[in-house]
Amino acid sequence: MTTKLPASRYFALTASTLRQRGGALWRSTPWAFAVFVLTLPIALLLPHLSLVYSPFFLLVVVNVLALTRLSVSWLRQTVAGGHADDADWRLGKPEWKVVALLALLIAIGMGLMYATARVPILLYFSLDANADSVFFVCLFLALAAIWAPVLYGVSTFAPSLARVAVSGQYDFWRTRQARRVHAWPMMSMLFLLAVFVVITGALLSTAVSDMSAAAIALGLAGILLCIGLVMMATTMSAVAYREQAAEVAGAGD
């Protein structure tokens, strides 16, 4: 039977990995990291400025490819204990599988944000003449019903991202069955990431339209937070798979 790691131990292992392996990411993929950071503002503006049918959408694609290169290198460095080969820009079969998985996660996230933006309006007109307290209670319940199942599902299958980067195989069900970590730490991290993605995108949109110094400064701070949360979520995925693989190997011995 799989032994679950306490959440405190999970966070401690993640923090330890970031301290010990943090420099390995920048050394192995400096160009991918630079491209990811430079194109991230365009990706965050995608839902706000309708960039899908503009040439700027190509930069969003480049951002996803850079994130893939970055994530694959980081996942391999973490799982292999820093002995993985340095990554280049060539995308093999595992990398394209990671691209597909990241694209699916991004699509799910954008769909959730699209639905979330419309829930308050629908509730407002559905609860006409009701007290504000009723509206906010219903809004909270509706958003929880939308977000909680999706965040839980993504969190339970998150180690598959590391698995496919290392082995080239998804094995969603086997990975989920053998996971050693609880879902809620990753759920919390993904929720924070989603919140800051929305807030940062809105701030950048305001900065572009109004050229507000405050919005620009807050937008830059939001970008830094988003980058940090992406790295944190990626590391948590790698640590979860690493601990799972270690227990499976120990059981085999």
C-alpha atoms as a PDB file:
ATOM      1  CA  MET A   1       0.000   0.000   0.000  1.00  0.00           C
ATOM      2  CA  THR A   2       1.286   3.470  -0.935  1.00  0.00           C
ATOM      3  CA  THR A   3       2.425   5.564   2.035  1.00  0.00           C
ATOM      4  CA  LYS A   4       1.249   9.176   1.817  1.00  0.00           C
ATOM      5  CA  LEU A   5       3.713  11.956   2.545  1.00  0.00           C
ATOM      6  CA  PRO A   6       2.490  14.582   5.026  1.00  0.00           C
ATOM      7  CA  ALA A   7       1.848  17.926   3.357  1.00  0.00           C
ATOM      8  CA  SER A   8       4.554  19.549   5.494  1.00  0.00           C
ATOM      9  CA  ARG A   9       7.081  16.987   4.242  1.00  0.00           C
ATOM     10  CA  TYR A  10       5.948  17.565   0.654  1.00  0.00           C
ATOM     11  CA  PHE A  11       6.481  21.321   0.950  1.00  0.00           C
ATOM     12  CA  ALA A  12       9.823  20.784   2.715  1.00  0.00           C
ATOM     13  CA  LEU A  13      11.081  18.499  -0.074  1.00  0.00           C
ATOM     14  CA  THR A  14       9.960  21.015  -2.687  1.00  0.00           C
ATOM     15  CA  ALA A  15      11.695  23.901  -0.909  1.00  0.00           C
ATOM     16  CA  SER A  16      14.846  21.816  -0.463  1.00  0.00           C
ATOM     17  CA  THR A  17      14.862  20.913  -4.154  1.00  0.00           C
ATOM     18  CA  LEU A  18      14.496  24.557  -5.159  1.00  0.00           C
ATOM     19  CA  ARG A  19      17.408  25.538  -2.918  1.00  0.00           C
ATOM     20  CA  GLN A  20      19.684  22.742  -4.090  1.00  0.00           C
ATOM     21  CA  ARG A  21      18.792  22.610  -7.788  1.00  0.00           C
ATOM     22  CA  GLY A  22      17.721  26.195  -8.458  1.00  0.00           C
ATOM     23  CA  GLY A  23      20.871  27.100 -10.346  1.00  0.00           C
ATOM     24  CA  ALA A  24      20.677  23.995 -12.537  1.00  0.00           C
ATOM     25  CA  LEU A  25      17.604  25.292 -14.357  1.00  0.00           C
ATOM     26  CA  TRP A  26      19.174  28.565 -15.384  1.00  0.00           C
ATOM     27  CA  ARG A  27      22.424  26.890 -16.434  1.00  0.00           C
ATOM     28  CA  SER A  28      20.743  24.205 -18.555  1.00  0.00           C
ATOM     29  CA  THR A  29      18.122  26.335 -20.336  1.00  0.00           C
ATOM     30  CA  PRO A  30      19.094  30.022 -20.192  1.00  0.00           C
ATOM     31  CA  TRP A  31      17.683  30.846 -23.631  1.00  0.00           C
ATOM     32  CA  ALA A  32      14.408  29.015 -23.026  1.00  0.00           C
ATOM     33  CA  PHE A  33      13.978  30.850 -19.730  1.00  0.00           C
ATOM     34  CA  ALA A  34      14.713  34.212 -21.364  1.00  0.00           C
ATOM     35  CA  VAL A  35      12.240  33.561 -24.191  1.00  0.00           C
ATOM     36  CA  PHE A  36       9.590  32.391 -21.716  1.00  0.00           C
ATOM     37  CA  VAL A  37       9.955  35.522 -19.580  1.00  0.00           C
ATOM     38  CA  LEU A  38       9.960  37.909 -22.561  1.00  0.00           C
ATOM     39  CA  THR A  39       6.870  36.377 -24.181  1.00  0.00           C
ATOM     40  CA  LEU A  40       4.932  35.806 -20.951  1.00  0.00           C
ATOM     41  CA  PRO A  41       3.306  39.291 -20.945  1.00  0.00           C
ATOM     42  CA  ILE A  42       1.804  38.605 -24.387  1.00  0.00           C
ATOM     43  CA  ALA A  43       0.491  35.237 -23.195  1.00  0.00           C
ATOM     44  CA  LEU A  44      -1.081  36.863 -20.129  1.00  0.00           C
ATOM     45  CA  LEU A  45      -2.734  39.494 -22.328  1.00  0.00           C
ATOM     46  CA  LEU A  46      -4.254  36.855 -24.637  1.00  0.00           C
ATOM     47  CA  PRO A  47      -7.717  36.702 -22.969  1.00  0.00           C
ATOM     48  CA  HIS A  48      -7.904  40.477 -22.508  1.00  0.00           C
ATOM     49  CA  LEU A  49      -6.917  41.876 -25.916  1.00  0.00           C
ATOM     50  CA  SER A  50      -8.269  39.193 -28.293  1.00  0.00           C
ATOM     51  CA  LEU A  51      -4.849  38.319 -29.680  1.00  0.00           C
ATOM     52  CA  VAL A  52      -5.870  34.923 -31.092  1.00  0.00           C
ATOM     53  CA  TYR A  53      -6.333  36.259 -34.622  1.00  0.00           C
ATOM     54  CA  SER A  54      -3.344  38.615 -34.547  1.00  0.00           C
ATOM     55  CA  PRO A  55       0.352  38.020 -35.301  1.00  0.00           C
ATOM     56  CA  PHE A  56       0.996  38.277 -31.552  1.00  0.00           C
ATOM     57  CA  PHE A  57      -0.550  34.813 -31.175  1.00  0.00           C
ATOM     58  CA  LEU A  58       2.669  33.386 -32.623  1.00  0.00           C
ATOM     59  CA  LEU A  59       4.453  34.761 -29.565  1.00  0.00           C
ATOM     60  CA  VAL A  60       1.982  32.876 -27.379  1.00  0.00           C
ATOM     61  CA  VAL A  61       2.899  29.660 -29.222  1.00  0.00           C
ATOM     62  CA  VAL A  62       6.586  30.466 -28.727  1.00  0.00           C
ATOM     63  CA  ASN A  63       5.867  31.041 -25.030  1.00  0.00           C
ATOM     64  CA  VAL A  64       4.293  27.579 -24.695  1.00  0.00           C
ATOM     65  CA  LEU A  65       7.238  25.956 -26.503  1.00  0.00           C
ATOM     66  CA  ALA A  66       9.706  27.793 -24.253  1.00  0.00           C
ATOM     67  CA  LEU A  67       7.711  26.716 -21.201  1.00  0.00           C
ATOM     68  CA  THR A  68       7.844  23.137 -22.486  1.00  0.00           C
ATOM     69  CA  ARG A  69      11.619  23.246 -22.922  1.00  0.00           C
ATOM     70  CA  LEU A  70      11.994  24.829 -19.497  1.00  0.00           C
ATOM     71  CA  SER A  71       9.625  22.391 -17.773  1.00  0.00           C
ATOM     72  CA  VAL A  72      11.150  19.282 -19.341  1.00  0.00           C
ATOM     73  CA  SER A  73      14.637  20.327 -18.283  1.00  0.00           C
ATOM     74  CA  TRP A  74      13.491  21.232 -14.757  1.00  0.00           C
ATOM     75  CA  LEU A  75      11.522  18.006 -14.337  1.00  0.00           C
ATOM     76  CA  ARG A  76      14.419  15.873 -15.528  1.00  0.00           C
ATOM     77  CA  GLN A  77      16.917  17.741 -13.358  1.00  0.00           C
ATOM     78  CA  THR A  78      14.713  17.254 -10.293  1.00  0.00           C
ATOM     79  CA  VAL A  79      13.770  13.614 -10.849  1.00  0.00           C
ATOM     80  CA  ALA A  80      17.271  12.556 -11.912  1.00  0.00           C
ATOM     81  CA  GLY A  81      18.935  14.422  -9.042  1.00  0.00           C
ATOM     82  CA  GLY A  82      20.729  16.911 -11.237  1.00  0.00           C
ATOM     83  CA  HIS A  83      22.319  14.332 -13.559  1.00  0.00           C
ATOM     84  CA  ALA A  84      20.034  14.825 -16.557  1.00  0.00           C
ATOM     85  CA  ASP A  85      21.505  15.935 -19.862  1.00  0.00           C
ATOM     86  CA  ASP A  86      21.332  19.627 -20.656  1.00  0.00           C
ATOM     87  CA  ALA A  87      18.301  20.468 -22.745  1.00  0.00           C
ATOM     88  CA  ASP A  88      18.442  22.079 -26.179  1.00  0.00           C
ATOM     89  CA  TRP A  89      15.698  23.350 -28.453  1.00  0.00           C
ATOM     90  CA  ARG A  90      15.140  20.047 -30.246  1.00  0.00           C
ATOM     91  CA  LEU A  91      11.784  18.560 -29.338  1.00  0.00           C
ATOM     92  CA  GLY A  92      11.583  14.774 -29.268  1.00  0.00           C
ATOM     93  CA  LYS A  93       8.564  12.581 -28.635  1.00  0.00           C
ATOM     94  CA  PRO A  94       8.513  13.187 -24.848  1.00  0.00           C
ATOM     95  CA  GLU A  95       8.700  16.943 -25.391  1.00  0.00           C
ATOM     96  CA  TRP A  96       5.784  16.935 -27.833  1.00  0.00           C
ATOM     97  CA  LYS A  97       3.769  14.904 -25.348  1.00  0.00           C
ATOM     98  CA  VAL A  98       4.531  17.560 -22.740  1.00  0.00           C
ATOM     99  CA  VAL A  99       3.444  20.244 -25.240  1.00  0.00           C
ATOM    100  CA  ALA A 100       0.131  18.426 -25.698  1.00  0.00           C
ATOM    101  CA  LEU A 101      -0.383  18.104 -21.941  1.00  0.00           C
ATOM    102  CA  LEU A 102       0.508  21.743 -21.258  1.00  0.00           C
ATOM    103  CA  ALA A 103      -1.768  22.899 -24.084  1.00  0.00           C
ATOM    104  CA  LEU A 104      -4.606  20.866 -22.562  1.00  0.00           C
ATOM    105  CA  LEU A 105      -3.983  22.366 -19.115  1.00  0.00           C
ATOM    106  CA  ILE A 106      -3.854  25.897 -20.552  1.00  0.00           C
ATOM    107  CA  ALA A 107      -7.100  25.296 -22.455  1.00  0.00           C
ATOM    108  CA  ILE A 108      -8.772  23.995 -19.285  1.00  0.00           C
ATOM    109  CA  GLY A 109      -7.515  27.008 -17.345  1.00  0.00           C
ATOM    110  CA  MET A 110      -8.763  29.485 -19.935  1.00  0.00           C
ATOM    111  CA  GLY A 111     -12.123  27.713 -20.065  1.00  0.00           C
ATOM    112  CA  LEU A 112     -12.427  27.951 -16.284  1.00  0.00           C
ATOM    113  CA  MET A 113     -11.552  31.635 -16.328  1.00  0.00           C
ATOM    114  CA  TYR A 114     -14.063  32.267 -19.114  1.00  0.00           C
ATOM    115  CA  ALA A 115     -16.792  30.504 -17.132  1.00  0.00           C
ATOM    116  CA  THR A 116     -15.792  32.236 -13.903  1.00  0.00           C
ATOM    117  CA  ALA A 117     -16.049  35.676 -15.490  1.00  0.00           C
ATOM    118  CA  ARG A 118     -19.654  35.028 -16.480  1.00  0.00           C
ATOM    119  CA  VAL A 119     -20.926  33.356 -13.326  1.00  0.00           C
ATOM    120  CA  PRO A 120     -21.370  36.618 -11.342  1.00  0.00           C
ATOM    121  CA  ILE A 121     -23.438  38.179 -14.141  1.00  0.00           C
ATOM    122  CA  LEU A 122     -25.668  35.127 -14.489  1.00  0.00           C
ATOM    123  CA  LEU A 123     -26.180  34.922 -10.740  1.00  0.00           C
ATOM    124  CA  TYR A 124     -26.875  38.637 -10.458  1.00  0.00           C
ATOM    125  CA  PHE A 125     -29.769  38.460 -12.890  1.00  0.00           C
ATOM    126  CA  SER A 126     -30.973  35.104 -11.552  1.00  0.00           C
ATOM    127  CA  LEU A 127     -31.114  36.424  -7.967  1.00  0.00           C
ATOM    128  CA  ASP A 128     -32.765  39.735  -8.783  1.00  0.00           C
ATOM    129  CA  ALA A 129     -33.857  41.673  -5.666  1.00  0.00           C
ATOM    130  CA  ASN A 130     -32.096  39.281  -3.286  1.00  0.00           C
ATOM    131  CA  ALA A 131     -29.742  40.453  -0.550  1.00  0.00           C
ATOM    132  CA  ASP A 132     -26.041  40.845  -1.242  1.00  0.00           C
ATOM    133  CA  SER A 133     -25.249  38.119   1.281  1.00  0.00           C
ATOM    134  CA  VAL A 134     -27.323  35.613  -0.702  1.00  0.00           C
ATOM    135  CA  PHE A 135     -25.573  36.651  -3.906  1.00  0.00           C
ATOM    136  CA  PHE A 136     -22.072  36.216  -2.464  1.00  0.00           C
ATOM    137  CA  VAL A 137     -22.902  32.869  -0.847  1.00  0.00           C
ATOM    138  CA  CYS A 138     -24.301  31.580  -4.141  1.00  0.00           C
ATOM    139  CA  LEU A 139     -21.307  32.996  -6.013  1.00  0.00           C
ATOM    140  CA  PHE A 140     -18.865  31.231  -3.687  1.00  0.00           C
ATOM    141  CA  LEU A 141     -20.717  27.921  -4.003  1.00  0.00           C
ATOM    142  CA  ALA A 142     -20.917  28.218  -7.792  1.00  0.00           C
ATOM    143  CA  LEU A 143     -17.211  28.999  -8.162  1.00  0.00           C
ATOM    144  CA  ALA A 144     -16.291  26.184  -5.770  1.00  0.00           C
ATOM    145  CA  ALA A 145     -18.422  23.770  -7.807  1.00  0.00           C
ATOM    146  CA  ILE A 146     -16.594  24.859 -10.972  1.00  0.00           C
ATOM    147  CA  TRP A 147     -13.021  25.031  -9.701  1.00  0.00           C
ATOM    148  CA  ALA A 148     -12.696  22.345  -7.015  1.00  0.00           C
ATOM    149  CA  PRO A 149     -13.303  19.232  -9.188  1.00  0.00           C
ATOM    150  CA  VAL A 150     -11.013  20.470 -11.956  1.00  0.00           C
ATOM    151  CA  LEU A 151      -8.212  21.482  -9.599  1.00  0.00           C
ATOM    152  CA  TYR A 152      -8.505  18.138  -7.823  1.00  0.00           C
ATOM    153  CA  GLY A 153      -8.346  16.203 -11.082  1.00  0.00           C
ATOM    154  CA  VAL A 154      -5.355  18.146 -12.388  1.00  0.00           C
ATOM    155  CA  SER A 155      -3.556  17.819  -9.043  1.00  0.00           C
ATOM    156  CA  THR A 156      -3.983  14.052  -8.829  1.00  0.00           C
ATOM    157  CA  PHE A 157      -2.605  13.591 -12.342  1.00  0.00           C
ATOM    158  CA  ALA A 158       0.165  16.237 -12.013  1.00  0.00           C
ATOM    159  CA  PRO A 159       2.980  13.666 -11.497  1.00  0.00           C
ATOM    160  CA  SER A 160       2.239  12.409 -15.027  1.00  0.00           C
ATOM    161  CA  LEU A 161       3.829  15.618 -16.334  1.00  0.00           C
ATOM    162  CA  ALA A 162       7.121  14.569 -14.755  1.00  0.00           C
ATOM    163  CA  ARG A 163       6.637  10.957 -15.825  1.00  0.00           C
ATOM    164  CA  VAL A 164       6.201  11.820 -19.498  1.00  0.00           C
ATOM    165  CA  ALA A 165       9.196  14.186 -19.397  1.00  0.00           C
ATOM    166  CA  VAL A 166      11.407  11.432 -17.990  1.00  0.00           C
ATOM    167  CA  SER A 167      10.040   8.264 -19.600  1.00  0.00           C
ATOM    168  CA  GLY A 168       7.934   9.487 -22.521  1.00  0.00           C
ATOM    169  CA  GLN A 169       4.835   7.728 -21.129  1.00  0.00           C
ATOM    170  CA  TYR A 170       1.778   9.357 -19.564  1.00  0.00           C
ATOM    171  CA  ASP A 171       0.408   6.343 -17.626  1.00  0.00           C
ATOM    172  CA  PHE A 172      -2.212   8.606 -16.049  1.00  0.00           C
ATOM    173  CA  TRP A 173      -4.094   5.954 -14.141  1.00  0.00           C
ATOM    174  CA  ARG A 174      -1.032   4.089 -12.833  1.00  0.00           C
ATOM    175  CA  THR A 175       0.574   7.373 -11.780  1.00  0.00           C
ATOM    176  CA  ARG A 176      -2.578   8.473 -10.001  1.00  0.00           C
ATOM    177  CA  GLN A 177      -2.946   5.150  -8.179  1.00  0.00           C
ATOM    178  CA  ALA A 178       0.664   5.185  -6.968  1.00  0.00           C
ATOM    179  CA  ARG A 179       0.875   8.853  -5.935  1.00  0.00           C
ATOM    180  CA  ARG A 180       2.343   9.515  -2.502  1.00  0.00           C
ATOM    181  CA  VAL A 181       1.154  13.083  -1.963  1.00  0.00           C
ATOM    182  CA  HIS A 182      -2.186  14.602  -1.060  1.00  0.00           C
ATOM    183  CA  ALA A 183      -3.973  16.655  -3.688  1.00  0.00           C
ATOM    184  CA  TRP A 184      -4.602  19.834  -1.720  1.00  0.00           C
ATOM    185  CA  PRO A 185      -1.029  21.272  -1.725  1.00  0.00           C
ATOM    186  CA  MET A 186      -0.934  21.209  -5.528  1.00  0.00           C
ATOM    187  CA  MET A 187      -4.547  22.414  -5.678  1.00  0.00           C
ATOM    188  CA  SER A 188      -3.588  25.421  -3.565  1.00  0.00           C
ATOM    189  CA  MET A 189      -0.584  26.207  -5.761  1.00  0.00           C
ATOM    190  CA  LEU A 190      -2.583  25.920  -8.990  1.00  0.00           C
ATOM    191  CA  PHE A 191      -5.356  28.082  -7.554  1.00  0.00           C
ATOM    192  CA  LEU A 192      -2.848  30.783  -6.589  1.00  0.00           C
ATOM    193  CA  LEU A 193      -1.306  30.580 -10.053  1.00  0.00           C
ATOM    194  CA  ALA A 194      -4.709  30.970 -11.720  1.00  0.00           C
ATOM    195  CA  VAL A 195      -5.597  33.946  -9.509  1.00  0.00           C
ATOM    196  CA  PHE A 196      -2.342  35.763 -10.233  1.00  0.00           C
ATOM    197  CA  VAL A 197      -2.563  34.987 -13.960  1.00  0.00           C
ATOM    198  CA  VAL A 198      -5.978  36.685 -14.079  1.00  0.00           C
ATOM    199  CA  ILE A 199      -4.908  39.640 -11.926  1.00  0.00           C
ATOM    200  CA  THR A 200      -1.630  40.154 -13.792  1.00  0.00           C
ATOM    201  CA  GLY A 201      -3.346  39.956 -17.172  1.00  0.00           C
ATOM    202  CA  ALA A 202      -5.858  42.595 -16.074  1.00  0.00           C
ATOM    203  CA  LEU A 203      -3.072  44.852 -14.767  1.00  0.00           C
ATOM    204  CA  LEU A 204      -1.092  44.505 -17.996  1.00  0.00           C
ATOM    205  CA  SER A 205      -4.226  45.260 -20.012  1.00  0.00           C
ATOM    206  CA  THR A 206      -4.716  48.440 -17.970  1.00  0.00           C
ATOM    207  CA  ALA A 207      -1.055  49.322 -18.429  1.00  0.00           C
ATOM    208  CA  VAL A 208      -1.343  48.952 -22.211  1.00  0.00           C
ATOM    209  CA  SER A 209      -4.554  50.978 -22.510  1.00  0.00           C
ATOM    210  CA  ASP A 210      -3.865  53.717 -19.936  1.00  0.00           C
ATOM    211  CA  MET A 211      -0.061  53.648 -19.657  1.00  0.00           C
ATOM    212  CA  SER A 212      -0.512  53.795 -15.893  1.00  0.00           C
ATOM    213  CA  ALA A 213       2.778  53.682 -13.995  1.00  0.00           C
ATOM    214  CA  ALA A 214       1.124  51.904 -11.077  1.00  0.00           C
ATOM    215  CA  ALA A 215      -0.417  49.262 -13.369  1.00  0.00           C
ATOM    216  CA  ILE A 216       2.936  48.740 -15.101  1.00  0.00           C
ATOM    217  CA  ALA A 217       4.757  48.288 -11.782  1.00  0.00           C
ATOM    218  CA  LEU A 218       2.098  45.948 -10.407  1.00  0.00           C
ATOM    219  CA  GLY A 219       2.012  44.053 -13.710  1.00  0.00           C
ATOM    220  CA  LEU A 220       5.773  43.473 -13.564  1.00  0.00           C
ATOM    221  CA  ALA A 221       5.454  42.277  -9.966  1.00  0.00           C
ATOM    222  CA  GLY A 222       2.640  39.965 -11.060  1.00  0.00           C
ATOM    223  CA  ILE A 223       4.809  38.527 -13.838  1.00  0.00           C
ATOM    224  CA  LEU A 224       7.531  37.709 -11.309  1.00  0.00           C
ATOM    225  CA  LEU A 225       4.971  36.040  -9.045  1.00  0.00           C
ATOM    226  CA  CYS A 226       3.578  34.008 -11.957  1.00  0.00           C
ATOM    227  CA  ILE A 227       7.069  32.830 -12.900  1.00  0.00           C
ATOM    228  CA  GLY A 228       7.752  31.823  -9.307  1.00  0.00           C
ATOM    229  CA  LEU A 229       4.459  29.947  -9.023  1.00  0.00           C
ATOM    230  CA  VAL A 230       5.058  28.142 -12.330  1.00  0.00           C
ATOM    231  CA  MET A 231       8.452  26.999 -11.082  1.00  0.00           C
ATOM    232  CA  MET A 232       6.954  25.982  -7.738  1.00  0.00           C
ATOM    233  CA  ALA A 233       4.155  23.958  -9.353  1.00  0.00           C
ATOM    234  CA  THR A 234       6.619  22.303 -11.750  1.00  0.00           C
ATOM    235  CA  THR A 235       8.926  21.370  -8.884  1.00  0.00           C
ATOM    236  CA  MET A 236       6.036  19.990  -6.838  1.00  0.00           C
ATOM    237  CA  SER A 237       5.044  17.804  -9.794  1.00  0.00           C
ATOM    238  CA  ALA A 238       8.613  16.525 -10.136  1.00  0.00           C
ATOM    239  CA  VAL A 239       8.993  15.883  -6.398  1.00  0.00           C
ATOM    240  CA  ALA A 240       5.688  13.994  -6.306  1.00  0.00           C
ATOM    241  CA  TYR A 241       6.801  11.724  -9.154  1.00  0.00           C
ATOM    242  CA  ARG A 242      10.315  11.329  -7.733  1.00  0.00           C
ATOM    243  CA  GLU A 243       9.006  10.174  -4.359  1.00  0.00           C
ATOM    244  CA  GLN A 244       6.515   7.866  -6.054  1.00  0.00           C
ATOM    245  CA  ALA A 245       9.223   6.323  -8.250  1.00  0.00           C
ATOM    246  CA  ALA A 246      11.529   5.899  -5.239  1.00  0.00           C
ATOM    247  CA  GLU A 247       8.880   3.969  -3.311  1.00  0.00           C
ATOM    248  CA  VAL A 248       8.101   1.763  -6.324  1.00  0.00           C
ATOM    249  CA  ALA A 249      11.821   1.041  -6.759  1.00  0.00           C
ATOM    250  CA  GLY A 250      12.157   0.287  -3.038  1.00  0.00           C
ATOM    251  CA  ALA A 251       9.217  -2.093  -3.172  1.00  0.00           C
ATOM    252  CA  GLY A 252      10.801  -3.835  -6.141  1.00  0.00           C
ATOM    253  CA  ASP A 253      13.993  -4.413  -4.189  1.00  0.00           C
END
